[in-house]
Amino acid sequence: MPQHSELSEERWSQFTFDQQILMIANEMNRGSSLVASKDVEKIKTCYERVLQLTDLTVRTQTKPTLRSELLRWRDCIAELYLHKTSRPDDHRSAFRCLLRFTPEASLQIRYLRGAASDAF
């Protein structure tokens, strides 16, 4: 059974958007070590959790432009999910993009692996 399958929209909507983004980011952070290990099945499981939380966020989001941007970001994760190989650079780029959704989440960018070498 998926980890977040029991999480309701009602419960998820009680979190602030900052908290929602940071909880999705937590799953992406778990995925960072999996991507490095190249364990494709575990990576897929991680991306499933990311997609579940992103879908909850989209369904509970009331701002149309923000929903649109979240759906675009979701497409990036769905593409990573469908790949048969690990894509560390694409994972890191998607992770960074997610963290840019809110100022509070953006503060976490400096802690990403490889952040010192990335020019953003």
PDB file of N, CA and C in Angstrom:
ATOM      1  N   MET A   1       0.836  -1.179   0.000  1.00  0.00           N
ATOM      2  CA  MET A   1       0.000   0.000   0.000  1.00  0.00           C
ATOM      3  C   MET A   1       0.890   1.255   0.000  1.00  0.00           C
ATOM      4  N   PRO A   2       0.613   2.207  -0.894  1.00  0.00           N
ATOM      5  CA  PRO A   2       1.426   3.424  -0.946  1.00  0.00           C
ATOM      6  C   PRO A   2       1.401   4.173   0.390  1.00  0.00           C
ATOM      7  N   GLN A   3       2.503   4.804   0.678  1.00  0.00           N
ATOM      8  CA  GLN A   3       2.689   5.461   1.965  1.00  0.00           C
ATOM      9  C   GLN A   3       1.650   6.547   2.245  1.00  0.00           C
ATOM     10  N   HIS A   4       1.282   7.330   1.261  1.00  0.00           N
ATOM     11  CA  HIS A   4       0.382   8.459   1.477  1.00  0.00           C
ATOM     12  C   HIS A   4      -1.045   8.190   1.002  1.00  0.00           C
ATOM     13  N   SER A   5      -1.406   6.934   0.804  1.00  0.00           N
ATOM     14  CA  SER A   5      -2.718   6.622   0.250  1.00  0.00           C
ATOM     15  C   SER A   5      -3.864   6.992   1.189  1.00  0.00           C
ATOM     16  N   GLU A   6      -3.613   7.038   2.481  1.00  0.00           N
ATOM     17  CA  GLU A   6      -4.651   7.364   3.454  1.00  0.00           C
ATOM     18  C   GLU A   6      -4.751   8.866   3.734  1.00  0.00           C
ATOM     19  N   LEU A   7      -3.874   9.660   3.148  1.00  0.00           N
ATOM     20  CA  LEU A   7      -3.867  11.101   3.375  1.00  0.00           C
ATOM     21  C   LEU A   7      -4.990  11.742   2.569  1.00  0.00           C
ATOM     22  N   SER A   8      -5.919  12.375   3.250  1.00  0.00           N
ATOM     23  CA  SER A   8      -7.084  12.963   2.575  1.00  0.00           C
ATOM     24  C   SER A   8      -6.787  14.387   2.114  1.00  0.00           C
ATOM     25  N   GLU A   9      -7.576  14.832   1.159  1.00  0.00           N
ATOM     26  CA  GLU A   9      -7.467  16.221   0.701  1.00  0.00           C
ATOM     27  C   GLU A   9      -7.763  17.177   1.847  1.00  0.00           C
ATOM     28  N   GLU A  10      -8.738  16.813   2.669  1.00  0.00           N
ATOM     29  CA  GLU A  10      -9.095  17.670   3.804  1.00  0.00           C
ATOM     30  C   GLU A  10      -7.899  17.846   4.741  1.00  0.00           C
ATOM     31  N   ARG A  11      -7.250  16.741   5.070  1.00  0.00           N
ATOM     32  CA  ARG A  11      -6.073  16.811   5.957  1.00  0.00           C
ATOM     33  C   ARG A  11      -4.946  17.582   5.289  1.00  0.00           C
ATOM     34  N   TRP A  12      -4.691  17.312   4.012  1.00  0.00           N
ATOM     35  CA  TRP A  12      -3.599  17.961   3.292  1.00  0.00           C
ATOM     36  C   TRP A  12      -3.833  19.474   3.205  1.00  0.00           C
ATOM     37  N   SER A  13      -5.067  19.884   3.014  1.00  0.00           N
ATOM     38  CA  SER A  13      -5.372  21.312   2.877  1.00  0.00           C
ATOM     39  C   SER A  13      -5.194  22.078   4.185  1.00  0.00           C
ATOM     40  N   GLN A  14      -5.049  21.369   5.302  1.00  0.00           N
ATOM     41  CA  GLN A  14      -4.790  22.037   6.579  1.00  0.00           C
ATOM     42  C   GLN A  14      -3.348  22.532   6.685  1.00  0.00           C
ATOM     43  N   PHE A  15      -2.463  22.003   5.840  1.00  0.00           N
ATOM     44  CA  PHE A  15      -1.081  22.467   5.825  1.00  0.00           C
ATOM     45  C   PHE A  15      -0.978  23.708   4.957  1.00  0.00           C
ATOM     46  N   THR A  16      -0.051  24.595   5.296  1.00  0.00           N
ATOM     47  CA  THR A  16       0.187  25.762   4.444  1.00  0.00           C
ATOM     48  C   THR A  16       0.849  25.299   3.150  1.00  0.00           C
ATOM     49  N   PHE A  17       0.820  26.142   2.141  1.00  0.00           N
ATOM     50  CA  PHE A  17       1.470  25.798   0.880  1.00  0.00           C
ATOM     51  C   PHE A  17       2.963  25.575   1.100  1.00  0.00           C
ATOM     52  N   ASP A  18       3.587  26.401   1.946  1.00  0.00           N
ATOM     53  CA  ASP A  18       5.006  26.197   2.284  1.00  0.00           C
ATOM     54  C   ASP A  18       5.228  24.795   2.836  1.00  0.00           C
ATOM     55  N   GLN A  19       4.382  24.382   3.765  1.00  0.00           N
ATOM     56  CA  GLN A  19       4.528  23.052   4.365  1.00  0.00           C
ATOM     57  C   GLN A  19       4.318  21.949   3.331  1.00  0.00           C
ATOM     58  N   GLN A  20       3.344  22.130   2.451  1.00  0.00           N
ATOM     59  CA  GLN A  20       3.101  21.126   1.416  1.00  0.00           C
ATOM     60  C   GLN A  20       4.330  20.974   0.518  1.00  0.00           C
ATOM     61  N   ILE A  21       4.877  22.095   0.078  1.00  0.00           N
ATOM     62  CA  ILE A  21       6.063  22.057  -0.790  1.00  0.00           C
ATOM     63  C   ILE A  21       7.228  21.401  -0.057  1.00  0.00           C
ATOM     64  N   LEU A  22       7.413  21.738   1.212  1.00  0.00           N
ATOM     65  CA  LEU A  22       8.520  21.146   1.967  1.00  0.00           C
ATOM     66  C   LEU A  22       8.328  19.651   2.201  1.00  0.00           C
ATOM     67  N   MET A  23       7.086  19.195   2.334  1.00  0.00           N
ATOM     68  CA  MET A  23       6.848  17.753   2.487  1.00  0.00           C
ATOM     69  C   MET A  23       7.103  17.015   1.170  1.00  0.00           C
ATOM     70  N   ILE A  24       6.747  17.632   0.054  1.00  0.00           N
ATOM     71  CA  ILE A  24       7.088  17.042  -1.246  1.00  0.00           C
ATOM     72  C   ILE A  24       8.608  17.027  -1.399  1.00  0.00           C
ATOM     73  N   ALA A  25       9.236  18.120  -0.982  1.00  0.00           N
ATOM     74  CA  ALA A  25      10.699  18.211  -1.057  1.00  0.00           C
ATOM     75  C   ALA A  25      11.369  17.140  -0.199  1.00  0.00           C
ATOM     76  N   ASN A  26      10.766  16.809   0.919  1.00  0.00           N
ATOM     77  CA  ASN A  26      11.308  15.747   1.768  1.00  0.00           C
ATOM     78  C   ASN A  26      11.366  14.424   1.002  1.00  0.00           C
ATOM     79  N   GLU A  27      10.315  14.136   0.251  1.00  0.00           N
ATOM     80  CA  GLU A  27      10.317  12.918  -0.577  1.00  0.00           C
ATOM     81  C   GLU A  27      11.379  13.009  -1.672  1.00  0.00           C
ATOM     82  N   MET A  28      11.518  14.184  -2.267  1.00  0.00           N
ATOM     83  CA  MET A  28      12.555  14.366  -3.299  1.00  0.00           C
ATOM     84  C   MET A  28      13.942  14.186  -2.685  1.00  0.00           C
ATOM     85  N   ASN A  29      14.113  14.647  -1.461  1.00  0.00           N
ATOM     86  CA  ASN A  29      15.396  14.487  -0.785  1.00  0.00           C
ATOM     87  C   ASN A  29      15.707  13.009  -0.563  1.00  0.00           C
ATOM     88  N   ARG A  30      14.700  12.244  -0.143  1.00  0.00           N
ATOM     89  CA  ARG A  30      14.890  10.784  -0.015  1.00  0.00           C
ATOM     90  C   ARG A  30      15.302  10.191  -1.359  1.00  0.00           C
ATOM     91  N   GLY A  31      14.691  10.697  -2.407  1.00  0.00           N
ATOM     92  CA  GLY A  31      14.994  10.212  -3.747  1.00  0.00           C
ATOM     93  C   GLY A  31      16.409  10.521  -4.192  1.00  0.00           C
ATOM     94  N   SER A  32      16.992  11.581  -3.650  1.00  0.00           N
ATOM     95  CA  SER A  32      18.356  11.960  -4.042  1.00  0.00           C
ATOM     96  C   SER A  32      19.356  10.844  -3.779  1.00  0.00           C
ATOM     97  N   SER A  33      19.260  10.210  -2.624  1.00  0.00           N
ATOM     98  CA  SER A  33      20.192   9.118  -2.331  1.00  0.00           C
ATOM     99  C   SER A  33      19.856   7.883  -3.161  1.00  0.00           C
ATOM    100  N   LEU A  34      18.574   7.677  -3.469  1.00  0.00           N
ATOM    101  CA  LEU A  34      18.188   6.546  -4.302  1.00  0.00           C
ATOM    102  C   LEU A  34      18.676   6.714  -5.731  1.00  0.00           C
ATOM    103  N   VAL A  35      18.601   7.927  -6.235  1.00  0.00           N
ATOM    104  CA  VAL A  35      19.083   8.203  -7.590  1.00  0.00           C
ATOM    105  C   VAL A  35      20.577   7.923  -7.666  1.00  0.00           C
ATOM    106  N   ALA A  36      21.287   8.313  -6.618  1.00  0.00           N
ATOM    107  CA  ALA A  36      22.733   8.064  -6.587  1.00  0.00           C
ATOM    108  C   ALA A  36      23.038   6.573  -6.537  1.00  0.00           C
ATOM    109  N   SER A  37      22.167   5.797  -5.888  1.00  0.00           N
ATOM    110  CA  SER A  37      22.399   4.352  -5.789  1.00  0.00           C
ATOM    111  C   SER A  37      22.004   3.613  -7.060  1.00  0.00           C
ATOM    112  N   LYS A  38      21.256   4.272  -7.922  1.00  0.00           N
ATOM    113  CA  LYS A  38      20.803   3.716  -9.200  1.00  0.00           C
ATOM    114  C   LYS A  38      19.839   2.539  -9.041  1.00  0.00           C
ATOM    115  N   ASP A  39      19.156   2.462  -7.912  1.00  0.00           N
ATOM    116  CA  ASP A  39      18.145   1.425  -7.685  1.00  0.00           C
ATOM    117  C   ASP A  39      16.830   1.915  -8.289  1.00  0.00           C
ATOM    118  N   VAL A  40      16.577   1.559  -9.528  1.00  0.00           N
ATOM    119  CA  VAL A  40      15.467   2.106 -10.301  1.00  0.00           C
ATOM    120  C   VAL A  40      14.109   1.810  -9.667  1.00  0.00           C
ATOM    121  N   GLU A  41      13.914   0.630  -9.123  1.00  0.00           N
ATOM    122  CA  GLU A  41      12.618   0.303  -8.510  1.00  0.00           C
ATOM    123  C   GLU A  41      12.339   1.165  -7.281  1.00  0.00           C
ATOM    124  N   LYS A  42      13.338   1.390  -6.465  1.00  0.00           N
ATOM    125  CA  LYS A  42      13.158   2.248  -5.290  1.00  0.00           C
ATOM    126  C   LYS A  42      12.949   3.700  -5.704  1.00  0.00           C
ATOM    127  N   ILE A  43      13.631   4.106  -6.767  1.00  0.00           N
ATOM    128  CA  ILE A  43      13.450   5.473  -7.280  1.00  0.00           C
ATOM    129  C   ILE A  43      12.001   5.649  -7.740  1.00  0.00           C
ATOM    130  N   LYS A  44      11.487   4.661  -8.453  1.00  0.00           N
ATOM    131  CA  LYS A  44      10.095   4.735  -8.924  1.00  0.00           C
ATOM    132  C   LYS A  44       9.118   4.848  -7.754  1.00  0.00           C
ATOM    133  N   THR A  45       9.369   4.097  -6.693  1.00  0.00           N
ATOM    134  CA  THR A  45       8.517   4.167  -5.508  1.00  0.00           C
ATOM    135  C   THR A  45       8.557   5.572  -4.901  1.00  0.00           C
ATOM    136  N   CYS A  46       9.732   6.142  -4.866  1.00  0.00           N
ATOM    137  CA  CYS A  46       9.877   7.504  -4.359  1.00  0.00           C
ATOM    138  C   CYS A  46       9.084   8.488  -5.225  1.00  0.00           C
ATOM    139  N   TYR A  47       9.233   8.376  -6.535  1.00  0.00           N
ATOM    140  CA  TYR A  47       8.507   9.270  -7.433  1.00  0.00           C
ATOM    141  C   TYR A  47       6.993   9.072  -7.326  1.00  0.00           C
ATOM    142  N   GLU A  48       6.558   7.870  -7.038  1.00  0.00           N
ATOM    143  CA  GLU A  48       5.120   7.643  -6.812  1.00  0.00           C
ATOM    144  C   GLU A  48       4.630   8.468  -5.622  1.00  0.00           C
ATOM    145  N   ARG A  49       5.419   8.485  -4.547  1.00  0.00           N
ATOM    146  CA  ARG A  49       5.049   9.276  -3.365  1.00  0.00           C
ATOM    147  C   ARG A  49       5.053  10.770  -3.700  1.00  0.00           C
ATOM    148  N   VAL A  50       6.050  11.201  -4.457  1.00  0.00           N
ATOM    149  CA  VAL A  50       6.120  12.609  -4.867  1.00  0.00           C
ATOM    150  C   VAL A  50       4.893  12.972  -5.701  1.00  0.00           C
ATOM    151  N   LEU A  51       4.529  12.105  -6.623  1.00  0.00           N
ATOM    152  CA  LEU A  51       3.362  12.365  -7.477  1.00  0.00           C
ATOM    153  C   LEU A  51       2.077  12.401  -6.653  1.00  0.00           C
ATOM    154  N   GLN A  52       1.947  11.513  -5.685  1.00  0.00           N
ATOM    155  CA  GLN A  52       0.752  11.502  -4.831  1.00  0.00           C
ATOM    156  C   GLN A  52       0.608  12.819  -4.076  1.00  0.00           C
ATOM    157  N   LEU A  53       1.695  13.283  -3.474  1.00  0.00           N
ATOM    158  CA  LEU A  53       1.639  14.533  -2.716  1.00  0.00           C
ATOM    159  C   LEU A  53       1.423  15.732  -3.639  1.00  0.00           C
ATOM    160  N   THR A  54       2.029  15.695  -4.803  1.00  0.00           N
ATOM    161  CA  THR A  54       1.826  16.780  -5.762  1.00  0.00           C
ATOM    162  C   THR A  54       0.374  16.814  -6.221  1.00  0.00           C
ATOM    163  N   ASP A  55      -0.202  15.649  -6.482  1.00  0.00           N
ATOM    164  CA  ASP A  55      -1.613  15.589  -6.883  1.00  0.00           C
ATOM    165  C   ASP A  55      -2.524  16.149  -5.791  1.00  0.00           C
ATOM    166  N   LEU A  56      -2.235  15.827  -4.544  1.00  0.00           N
ATOM    167  CA  LEU A  56      -3.014  16.387  -3.440  1.00  0.00           C
ATOM    168  C   LEU A  56      -2.894  17.912  -3.410  1.00  0.00           C
ATOM    169  N   THR A  57      -1.699  18.402  -3.633  1.00  0.00           N
ATOM    170  CA  THR A  57      -1.469  19.849  -3.631  1.00  0.00           C
ATOM    171  C   THR A  57      -2.232  20.514  -4.767  1.00  0.00           C
ATOM    172  N   VAL A  58      -2.195  19.927  -5.941  1.00  0.00           N
ATOM    173  CA  VAL A  58      -2.919  20.476  -7.095  1.00  0.00           C
ATOM    174  C   VAL A  58      -4.421  20.494  -6.807  1.00  0.00           C
ATOM    175  N   ARG A  59      -4.938  19.407  -6.259  1.00  0.00           N
ATOM    176  CA  ARG A  59      -6.381  19.328  -5.995  1.00  0.00           C
ATOM    177  C   ARG A  59      -6.843  20.304  -4.919  1.00  0.00           C
ATOM    178  N   THR A  60      -5.965  20.670  -4.002  1.00  0.00           N
ATOM    179  CA  THR A  60      -6.364  21.561  -2.919  1.00  0.00           C
ATOM    180  C   THR A  60      -5.950  23.010  -3.167  1.00  0.00           C
ATOM    181  N   GLN A  61      -5.259  23.254  -4.252  1.00  0.00           N
ATOM    182  CA  GLN A  61      -4.785  24.604  -4.570  1.00  0.00           C
ATOM    183  C   GLN A  61      -5.894  25.399  -5.250  1.00  0.00           C
ATOM    184  N   THR A  62      -6.119  26.611  -4.788  1.00  0.00           N
ATOM    185  CA  THR A  62      -7.204  27.430  -5.338  1.00  0.00           C
ATOM    186  C   THR A  62      -6.728  28.442  -6.382  1.00  0.00           C
ATOM    187  N   LYS A  63      -5.444  28.700  -6.450  1.00  0.00           N
ATOM    188  CA  LYS A  63      -4.919  29.677  -7.409  1.00  0.00           C
ATOM    189  C   LYS A  63      -4.637  28.982  -8.742  1.00  0.00           C
ATOM    190  N   PRO A  64      -5.357  29.360  -9.813  1.00  0.00           N
ATOM    191  CA  PRO A  64      -5.192  28.673 -11.105  1.00  0.00           C
ATOM    192  C   PRO A  64      -3.770  28.722 -11.664  1.00  0.00           C
ATOM    193  N   THR A  65      -3.086  29.851 -11.536  1.00  0.00           N
ATOM    194  CA  THR A  65      -1.737  29.941 -12.097  1.00  0.00           C
ATOM    195  C   THR A  65      -0.767  29.043 -11.337  1.00  0.00           C
ATOM    196  N   LEU A  66      -0.940  28.969 -10.033  1.00  0.00           N
ATOM    197  CA  LEU A  66      -0.080  28.101  -9.231  1.00  0.00           C
ATOM    198  C   LEU A  66      -0.353  26.633  -9.543  1.00  0.00           C
ATOM    199  N   ARG A  67      -1.619  26.296  -9.707  1.00  0.00           N
ATOM    200  CA  ARG A  67      -1.976  24.924 -10.104  1.00  0.00           C
ATOM    201  C   ARG A  67      -1.320  24.569 -11.432  1.00  0.00           C
ATOM    202  N   SER A  68      -1.348  25.503 -12.358  1.00  0.00           N
ATOM    203  CA  SER A  68      -0.750  25.273 -13.678  1.00  0.00           C
ATOM    204  C   SER A  68       0.746  24.999 -13.560  1.00  0.00           C
ATOM    205  N   GLU A  69       1.435  25.790 -12.748  1.00  0.00           N
ATOM    206  CA  GLU A  69       2.877  25.588 -12.570  1.00  0.00           C
ATOM    207  C   GLU A  69       3.178  24.273 -11.864  1.00  0.00           C
ATOM    208  N   LEU A  70       2.362  23.919 -10.898  1.00  0.00           N
ATOM    209  CA  LEU A  70       2.534  22.628 -10.221  1.00  0.00           C
ATOM    210  C   LEU A  70       2.349  21.466 -11.191  1.00  0.00           C
ATOM    211  N   LEU A  71       1.375  21.589 -12.079  1.00  0.00           N
ATOM    212  CA  LEU A  71       1.139  20.539 -13.068  1.00  0.00           C
ATOM    213  C   LEU A  71       2.306  20.423 -14.041  1.00  0.00           C
ATOM    214  N   ARG A  72       2.903  21.531 -14.399  1.00  0.00           N
ATOM    215  CA  ARG A  72       4.105  21.485 -15.258  1.00  0.00           C
ATOM    216  C   ARG A  72       5.238  20.774 -14.532  1.00  0.00           C
ATOM    217  N   TRP A  73       5.416  21.116 -13.261  1.00  0.00           N
ATOM    218  CA  TRP A  73       6.475  20.476 -12.492  1.00  0.00           C
ATOM    219  C   TRP A  73       6.186  18.977 -12.352  1.00  0.00           C
ATOM    220  N   ARG A  74       4.920  18.634 -12.149  1.00  0.00           N
ATOM    221  CA  ARG A  74       4.516  17.239 -12.037  1.00  0.00           C
ATOM    222  C   ARG A  74       4.893  16.467 -13.301  1.00  0.00           C
ATOM    223  N   ASP A  75       4.742  17.097 -14.452  1.00  0.00           N
ATOM    224  CA  ASP A  75       5.125  16.455 -15.715  1.00  0.00           C
ATOM    225  C   ASP A  75       6.604  16.063 -15.714  1.00  0.00           C
ATOM    226  N   CYS A  76       7.448  16.898 -15.124  1.00  0.00           N
ATOM    227  CA  CYS A  76       8.884  16.581 -15.042  1.00  0.00           C
ATOM    228  C   CYS A  76       9.114  15.323 -14.205  1.00  0.00           C
ATOM    229  N   ILE A  77       8.393  15.229 -13.097  1.00  0.00           N
ATOM    230  CA  ILE A  77       8.541  14.054 -12.226  1.00  0.00           C
ATOM    231  C   ILE A  77       7.976  12.812 -12.914  1.00  0.00           C
ATOM    232  N   ALA A  78       6.861  12.975 -13.601  1.00  0.00           N
ATOM    233  CA  ALA A  78       6.283  11.836 -14.325  1.00  0.00           C
ATOM    234  C   ALA A  78       7.260  11.329 -15.386  1.00  0.00           C
ATOM    235  N   GLU A  79       7.951  12.234 -16.036  1.00  0.00           N
ATOM    236  CA  GLU A  79       8.951  11.829 -17.034  1.00  0.00           C
ATOM    237  C   GLU A  79      10.093  11.069 -16.364  1.00  0.00           C
ATOM    238  N   LEU A  80      10.558  11.553 -15.219  1.00  0.00           N
ATOM    239  CA  LEU A  80      11.607  10.831 -14.488  1.00  0.00           C
ATOM    240  C   LEU A  80      11.122   9.453 -14.066  1.00  0.00           C
ATOM    241  N   TYR A  81       9.879   9.367 -13.653  1.00  0.00           N
ATOM    242  CA  TYR A  81       9.293   8.095 -13.239  1.00  0.00           C
ATOM    243  C   TYR A  81       9.313   7.078 -14.380  1.00  0.00           C
ATOM    244  N   LEU A  82       9.074   7.533 -15.587  1.00  0.00           N
ATOM    245  CA  LEU A  82       8.981   6.626 -16.733  1.00  0.00           C
ATOM    246  C   LEU A  82      10.335   6.159 -17.262  1.00  0.00           C
ATOM    247  N   HIS A  83      11.417   6.838 -16.885  1.00  0.00           N
ATOM    248  CA  HIS A  83      12.736   6.440 -17.383  1.00  0.00           C
ATOM    249  C   HIS A  83      13.181   5.129 -16.773  1.00  0.00           C
ATOM    250  N   LYS A  84      13.888   4.364 -17.560  1.00  0.00           N
ATOM    251  CA  LYS A  84      14.366   3.051 -17.128  1.00  0.00           C
ATOM    252  C   LYS A  84      15.729   3.132 -16.441  1.00  0.00           C
ATOM    253  N   THR A  85      16.305   4.327 -16.419  1.00  0.00           N
ATOM    254  CA  THR A  85      17.600   4.513 -15.770  1.00  0.00           C
ATOM    255  C   THR A  85      17.531   5.705 -14.817  1.00  0.00           C
ATOM    256  N   SER A  86      18.481   5.749 -13.921  1.00  0.00           N
ATOM    257  CA  SER A  86      18.597   6.848 -12.970  1.00  0.00           C
ATOM    258  C   SER A  86      19.066   8.108 -13.698  1.00  0.00           C
ATOM    259  N   ARG A  87      18.520   9.261 -13.350  1.00  0.00           N
ATOM    260  CA  ARG A  87      18.909  10.539 -13.984  1.00  0.00           C
ATOM    261  C   ARG A  87      19.207  11.570 -12.899  1.00  0.00           C
ATOM    262  N   PRO A  88      20.378  11.481 -12.276  1.00  0.00           N
ATOM    263  CA  PRO A  88      20.703  12.348 -11.140  1.00  0.00           C
ATOM    264  C   PRO A  88      20.635  13.845 -11.451  1.00  0.00           C
ATOM    265  N   ASP A  89      21.132  14.264 -12.594  1.00  0.00           N
ATOM    266  CA  ASP A  89      21.111  15.694 -12.928  1.00  0.00           C
ATOM    267  C   ASP A  89      19.686  16.209 -13.096  1.00  0.00           C
ATOM    268  N   ASP A  90      18.851  15.428 -13.756  1.00  0.00           N
ATOM    269  CA  ASP A  90      17.453  15.830 -13.938  1.00  0.00           C
ATOM    270  C   ASP A  90      16.709  15.820 -12.603  1.00  0.00           C
ATOM    271  N   HIS A  91      17.015  14.860 -11.754  1.00  0.00           N
ATOM    272  CA  HIS A  91      16.397  14.813 -10.429  1.00  0.00           C
ATOM    273  C   HIS A  91      16.760  16.079  -9.647  1.00  0.00           C
ATOM    274  N   ARG A  92      18.043  16.413  -9.637  1.00  0.00           N
ATOM    275  CA  ARG A  92      18.500  17.596  -8.903  1.00  0.00           C
ATOM    276  C   ARG A  92      17.864  18.866  -9.453  1.00  0.00           C
ATOM    277  N   SER A  93      17.749  18.965 -10.773  1.00  0.00           N
ATOM    278  CA  SER A  93      17.118  20.146 -11.381  1.00  0.00           C
ATOM    279  C   SER A  93      15.649  20.257 -10.988  1.00  0.00           C
ATOM    280  N   ALA A  94      14.939  19.132 -10.999  1.00  0.00           N
ATOM    281  CA  ALA A  94      13.527  19.138 -10.612  1.00  0.00           C
ATOM    282  C   ALA A  94      13.384  19.492  -9.132  1.00  0.00           C
ATOM    283  N   PHE A  95      14.277  18.981  -8.321  1.00  0.00           N
ATOM    284  CA  PHE A  95      14.264  19.263  -6.885  1.00  0.00           C
ATOM    285  C   PHE A  95      14.458  20.766  -6.647  1.00  0.00           C
ATOM    286  N   ARG A  96      15.453  21.337  -7.317  1.00  0.00           N
ATOM    287  CA  ARG A  96      15.713  22.777  -7.189  1.00  0.00           C
ATOM    288  C   ARG A  96      14.501  23.589  -7.624  1.00  0.00           C
ATOM    289  N   CYS A  97      13.902  23.190  -8.715  1.00  0.00           N
ATOM    290  CA  CYS A  97      12.720  23.890  -9.226  1.00  0.00           C
ATOM    291  C   CYS A  97      11.590  23.850  -8.197  1.00  0.00           C
ATOM    292  N   LEU A  98      11.350  22.707  -7.589  1.00  0.00           N
ATOM    293  CA  LEU A  98      10.323  22.582  -6.561  1.00  0.00           C
ATOM    294  C   LEU A  98      10.592  23.543  -5.410  1.00  0.00           C
ATOM    295  N   LEU A  99      11.828  23.602  -4.973  1.00  0.00           N
ATOM    296  CA  LEU A  99      12.163  24.457  -3.839  1.00  0.00           C
ATOM    297  C   LEU A  99      11.985  25.941  -4.151  1.00  0.00           C
ATOM    298  N   ARG A 100      11.931  26.282  -5.400  1.00  0.00           N
ATOM    299  CA  ARG A 100      11.738  27.686  -5.785  1.00  0.00           C
ATOM    300  C   ARG A 100      10.266  28.113  -5.762  1.00  0.00           C
ATOM    301  N   PHE A 101       9.362  27.203  -5.454  1.00  0.00           N
ATOM    302  CA  PHE A 101       7.947  27.554  -5.418  1.00  0.00           C
ATOM    303  C   PHE A 101       7.617  28.548  -4.296  1.00  0.00           C
ATOM    304  N   THR A 102       8.346  28.488  -3.185  1.00  0.00           N
ATOM    305  CA  THR A 102       8.077  29.423  -2.096  1.00  0.00           C
ATOM    306  C   THR A 102       9.400  29.959  -1.541  1.00  0.00           C
ATOM    307  N   PRO A 103       9.373  31.181  -1.007  1.00  0.00           N
ATOM    308  CA  PRO A 103      10.603  31.730  -0.408  1.00  0.00           C
ATOM    309  C   PRO A 103      11.138  30.862   0.731  1.00  0.00           C
ATOM    310  N   GLU A 104      10.235  30.325   1.559  1.00  0.00           N
ATOM    311  CA  GLU A 104      10.671  29.486   2.675  1.00  0.00           C
ATOM    312  C   GLU A 104      11.369  28.219   2.172  1.00  0.00           C
ATOM    313  N   ALA A 105      10.797  27.584   1.167  1.00  0.00           N
ATOM    314  CA  ALA A 105      11.411  26.375   0.614  1.00  0.00           C
ATOM    315  C   ALA A 105      12.729  26.701  -0.086  1.00  0.00           C
ATOM    316  N   SER A 106      12.817  27.869  -0.692  1.00  0.00           N
ATOM    317  CA  SER A 106      14.048  28.278  -1.394  1.00  0.00           C
ATOM    318  C   SER A 106      15.257  28.311  -0.463  1.00  0.00           C
ATOM    319  N   LEU A 107      15.019  28.527   0.810  1.00  0.00           N
ATOM    320  CA  LEU A 107      16.119  28.543   1.776  1.00  0.00           C
ATOM    321  C   LEU A 107      16.835  27.199   1.856  1.00  0.00           C
ATOM    322  N   GLN A 108      16.183  26.135   1.415  1.00  0.00           N
ATOM    323  CA  GLN A 108      16.772  24.788   1.489  1.00  0.00           C
ATOM    324  C   GLN A 108      17.709  24.475   0.319  1.00  0.00           C
ATOM    325  N   ILE A 109      17.699  25.305  -0.708  1.00  0.00           N
ATOM    326  CA  ILE A 109      18.496  25.025  -1.904  1.00  0.00           C
ATOM    327  C   ILE A 109      19.982  24.881  -1.578  1.00  0.00           C
ATOM    328  N   ARG A 110      20.468  25.674  -0.676  1.00  0.00           N
ATOM    329  CA  ARG A 110      21.905  25.623  -0.357  1.00  0.00           C
ATOM    330  C   ARG A 110      22.329  24.283   0.244  1.00  0.00           C
ATOM    331  N   TYR A 111      21.375  23.504   0.728  1.00  0.00           N
ATOM    332  CA  TYR A 111      21.693  22.219   1.342  1.00  0.00           C
ATOM    333  C   TYR A 111      21.641  21.049   0.357  1.00  0.00           C
ATOM    334  N   LEU A 112      21.251  21.303  -0.872  1.00  0.00           N
ATOM    335  CA  LEU A 112      21.198  20.230  -1.866  1.00  0.00           C
ATOM    336  C   LEU A 112      22.599  19.733  -2.180  1.00  0.00           C
ATOM    337  N   ARG A 113      22.680  18.455  -2.461  1.00  0.00           N
ATOM    338  CA  ARG A 113      23.964  17.893  -2.901  1.00  0.00           C
ATOM    339  C   ARG A 113      24.336  18.536  -4.221  1.00  0.00           C
ATOM    340  N   GLY A 114      25.584  18.937  -4.327  1.00  0.00           N
ATOM    341  CA  GLY A 114      26.048  19.538  -5.568  1.00  0.00           C
ATOM    342  C   GLY A 114      25.643  20.985  -5.719  1.00  0.00           C
ATOM    343  N   ALA A 115      25.023  21.591  -4.701  1.00  0.00           N
ATOM    344  CA  ALA A 115      24.530  22.970  -4.809  1.00  0.00           C
ATOM    345  C   ALA A 115      25.676  23.955  -5.000  1.00  0.00           C
ATOM    346  N   ALA A 116      26.827  23.670  -4.408  1.00  0.00           N
ATOM    347  CA  ALA A 116      27.941  24.593  -4.539  1.00  0.00           C
ATOM    348  C   ALA A 116      28.431  24.712  -5.969  1.00  0.00           C
ATOM    349  N   SER A 117      28.284  23.640  -6.741  1.00  0.00           N
ATOM    350  CA  SER A 117      28.757  23.666  -8.119  1.00  0.00           C
ATOM    351  C   SER A 117      27.708  24.125  -9.102  1.00  0.00           C
ATOM    352  N   ASP A 118      26.446  24.237  -8.650  1.00  0.00           N
ATOM    353  CA  ASP A 118      25.363  24.674  -9.527  1.00  0.00           C
ATOM    354  C   ASP A 118      25.269  26.181  -9.532  1.00  0.00           C
ATOM    355  N   ALA A 119      25.158  26.748 -10.710  1.00  0.00           N
ATOM    356  CA  ALA A 119      24.987  28.195 -10.832  1.00  0.00           C
ATOM    357  C   ALA A 119      23.534  28.503 -11.114  1.00  0.00           C
ATOM    358  N   PHE A 120      22.831  28.971 -10.098  1.00  0.00           N
ATOM    359  CA  PHE A 120      21.430  29.375 -10.250  1.00  0.00           C
ATOM    360  C   PHE A 120      21.246  30.696  -9.607  1.00  0.00           C
TER     361      PHE A 120
END
